[in-house]
Protein backbone atom coordinates (compact mmCIF):
# COMPACT_ATOMS: atom_id res chain seq x y z
CA MET A 1 -6.65 51.67 -14.43
CA THR A 2 -6.10 52.35 -10.72
CA GLY A 3 -3.09 51.02 -8.89
CA SER A 4 -5.10 48.42 -6.98
CA ALA A 5 -6.89 47.26 -10.16
CA HIS A 6 -3.54 46.99 -11.95
CA SER A 7 -2.11 45.02 -9.02
CA GLU A 8 -5.12 42.67 -9.08
CA GLN A 9 -4.69 42.12 -12.82
CA GLU A 10 -0.99 41.29 -12.33
CA LYS A 11 -1.94 38.83 -9.57
CA ASN A 12 -4.51 37.17 -11.86
CA LEU A 13 -2.00 36.89 -14.70
CA ALA A 14 0.62 35.45 -12.34
CA ALA A 15 -1.84 32.68 -11.45
CA LEU A 16 -2.02 31.54 -15.08
CA PRO A 17 0.07 28.53 -16.00
CA ALA A 18 3.23 29.23 -17.97
CA VAL A 19 3.02 28.96 -21.74
CA GLY A 20 3.08 25.29 -22.69
CA GLN A 21 1.93 24.17 -19.24
CA PRO A 22 -1.49 22.53 -18.86
CA CYS A 23 -4.28 24.61 -17.38
CA PRO A 24 -5.45 23.20 -14.04
CA MET A 25 -9.05 23.95 -15.04
CA VAL A 26 -8.78 21.56 -17.98
CA ASP A 27 -7.56 18.85 -15.61
CA PHE A 28 -10.40 19.63 -13.19
CA VAL A 29 -13.03 19.45 -15.94
CA ASN A 30 -11.54 16.17 -17.17
CA LEU A 31 -11.69 14.81 -13.62
CA LEU A 32 -15.34 15.72 -13.22
CA SER A 33 -16.50 15.36 -16.80
CA GLY A 34 -19.84 13.85 -17.57
CA LYS A 35 -23.37 14.88 -16.79
CA TRP A 36 -23.52 12.80 -13.62
CA ALA A 37 -20.02 13.19 -12.15
CA ILE A 38 -20.71 16.17 -9.89
CA PRO A 39 -24.13 14.98 -8.65
CA ILE A 40 -22.67 11.56 -7.75
CA LEU A 41 -19.67 12.97 -5.90
CA TYR A 42 -21.69 15.68 -4.17
CA ARG A 43 -24.26 13.15 -2.97
CA LEU A 44 -21.51 10.88 -1.62
CA ILE A 45 -19.87 13.85 0.11
CA LEU A 46 -23.15 14.93 1.73
CA MET A 47 -24.02 11.38 2.80
CA ASP A 48 -20.51 10.87 4.24
CA ALA A 49 -21.22 7.21 4.97
CA PRO A 50 -21.09 3.91 3.10
CA VAL A 51 -23.95 3.69 0.61
CA ARG A 52 -25.23 0.78 -1.44
CA PHE A 53 -25.36 1.04 -5.21
CA GLY A 54 -29.16 1.02 -5.45
CA GLU A 55 -29.52 3.70 -2.80
CA LEU A 56 -27.01 5.91 -4.60
CA GLN A 57 -28.75 5.32 -7.93
CA ARG A 58 -32.08 6.42 -6.43
CA ALA A 59 -30.42 9.47 -4.83
CA VAL A 60 -29.11 10.74 -8.19
CA ALA A 61 -32.02 9.52 -10.34
CA PRO A 62 -32.66 9.20 -13.23
CA ILE A 63 -29.10 7.96 -13.88
CA ALA A 64 -28.77 4.65 -15.74
CA GLN A 65 -27.11 1.73 -13.95
CA LYS A 66 -24.40 1.50 -16.62
CA GLU A 67 -23.49 5.19 -16.28
CA LEU A 68 -23.39 5.08 -12.48
CA THR A 69 -21.14 2.02 -12.62
CA ARG A 70 -18.83 3.74 -15.14
CA GLN A 71 -18.55 6.91 -13.05
CA LEU A 72 -17.99 5.05 -9.78
CA ARG A 73 -15.21 2.94 -11.32
CA GLN A 74 -13.56 6.08 -12.66
CA PHE A 75 -13.76 7.76 -9.24
CA GLU A 76 -12.41 4.64 -7.58
CA ARG A 77 -9.39 4.58 -9.96
CA ARG A 78 -8.70 8.22 -9.12
CA GLY A 79 -8.92 7.67 -5.37
CA LEU A 80 -12.08 9.72 -4.82
CA VAL A 81 -14.34 6.80 -3.87
CA THR A 82 -13.80 3.43 -2.20
CA ARG A 83 -15.75 0.30 -3.00
CA GLN A 84 -16.26 -2.50 -0.51
CA ILE A 85 -17.61 -5.85 -1.63
CA PHE A 86 -19.28 -8.08 0.95
CA PRO A 87 -19.08 -11.80 0.11
CA GLN A 88 -22.72 -12.76 0.48
CA VAL A 89 -25.59 -13.82 -1.74
CA PRO A 90 -26.71 -11.66 -3.36
CA PRO A 91 -23.44 -9.68 -3.37
CA ARG A 92 -23.54 -6.41 -1.49
CA VAL A 93 -21.35 -3.51 -2.58
CA GLU A 94 -20.97 -0.22 -0.75
CA TYR A 95 -19.34 2.99 -1.91
CA GLN A 96 -17.94 5.80 0.18
CA ILE A 97 -16.22 9.10 -0.48
CA THR A 98 -12.51 9.07 0.44
CA PRO A 99 -10.68 11.79 2.39
CA LEU A 100 -9.32 13.02 -0.96
CA GLY A 101 -12.86 13.14 -2.37
CA LYS A 102 -14.03 15.10 0.67
CA THR A 103 -11.56 17.86 -0.20
CA LEU A 104 -13.84 18.70 -3.14
CA ARG A 105 -16.63 19.77 -0.79
CA PRO A 106 -15.80 23.51 -0.58
CA THR A 107 -15.51 23.70 -4.36
CA LEU A 108 -18.77 21.84 -4.96
CA ASP A 109 -20.54 23.82 -2.20
CA SER A 110 -19.43 26.98 -3.97
CA LEU A 111 -20.79 25.73 -7.30
CA ALA A 112 -24.09 24.74 -5.68
CA ASP A 113 -24.37 28.16 -3.98
CA TRP A 114 -23.64 29.91 -7.28
CA MET A 115 -26.29 27.87 -9.06
CA ARG A 116 -28.90 28.59 -6.36
CA SER A 117 -28.12 32.30 -6.62
CA HIS A 118 -28.09 32.54 -10.39
CA ALA A 119 -30.46 29.80 -11.58
CA PRO A 120 -33.36 32.22 -12.12
CA GLN A 121 -31.22 34.31 -14.46
CA LEU A 122 -29.97 31.27 -16.36
CA ILE A 123 -33.23 29.38 -16.58
CA SER A 124 -35.83 32.12 -16.89
CA GLY A 125 -34.03 33.88 -19.69
CA ALA A 126 -33.55 37.03 -17.61
CA ALA A 127 -30.23 37.65 -19.35
CA PRO A 128 -30.50 39.53 -22.65
CA GLY A 129 -30.95 37.29 -25.68
CA LEU A 130 -32.21 34.28 -23.77
CA SER A 131 -35.64 32.72 -23.74
CA ASP A 132 -37.11 29.78 -21.83
CA SER A 133 -36.84 27.48 -24.83
CA ALA A 134 -33.48 28.67 -26.16
CA PRO A 135 -30.33 26.76 -25.25
CA LEU A 136 -27.93 28.64 -23.01
CA ASP A 137 -25.64 30.56 -25.39
CA VAL A 138 -23.10 32.52 -23.40
CA GLU A 139 -21.77 34.50 -26.39
CA SER A 140 -25.24 35.69 -27.39
CA ALA A 141 -26.07 36.60 -23.82
CA GLN A 142 -22.88 38.63 -23.47
CA SER A 143 -23.21 40.45 -26.78
CA GLY A 144 -26.98 41.05 -26.48
């Protein structure tokens, strides 16, 4: 191993949490868990304006109303989204990404860029051991 490679490895190991400490990646995945979490947040970030429930549901279709409600409430509790209720008939509710939620943009942009770059390899089965109909199995792809 070269000196610079060894230095890089030491830097990577230093970034790991201490033994017994929670991994920040686990916390991040828990924050954004669920099939619809990232698409909802990313859409709100890109819109960067108040949006009504129905408009948001159409933007991330085909999400079910119950699931969108659940995710939005979770994001609101965590301070990523605000909800404003207008006292009118029928009631009007708008959601908007918070400044804290907006800080996720570089991370989500990076994930979106990675997916655009690598989707053909993941979806077309270009990686060894994958086919169009086979589920994505990282271990098989790495060992094949």
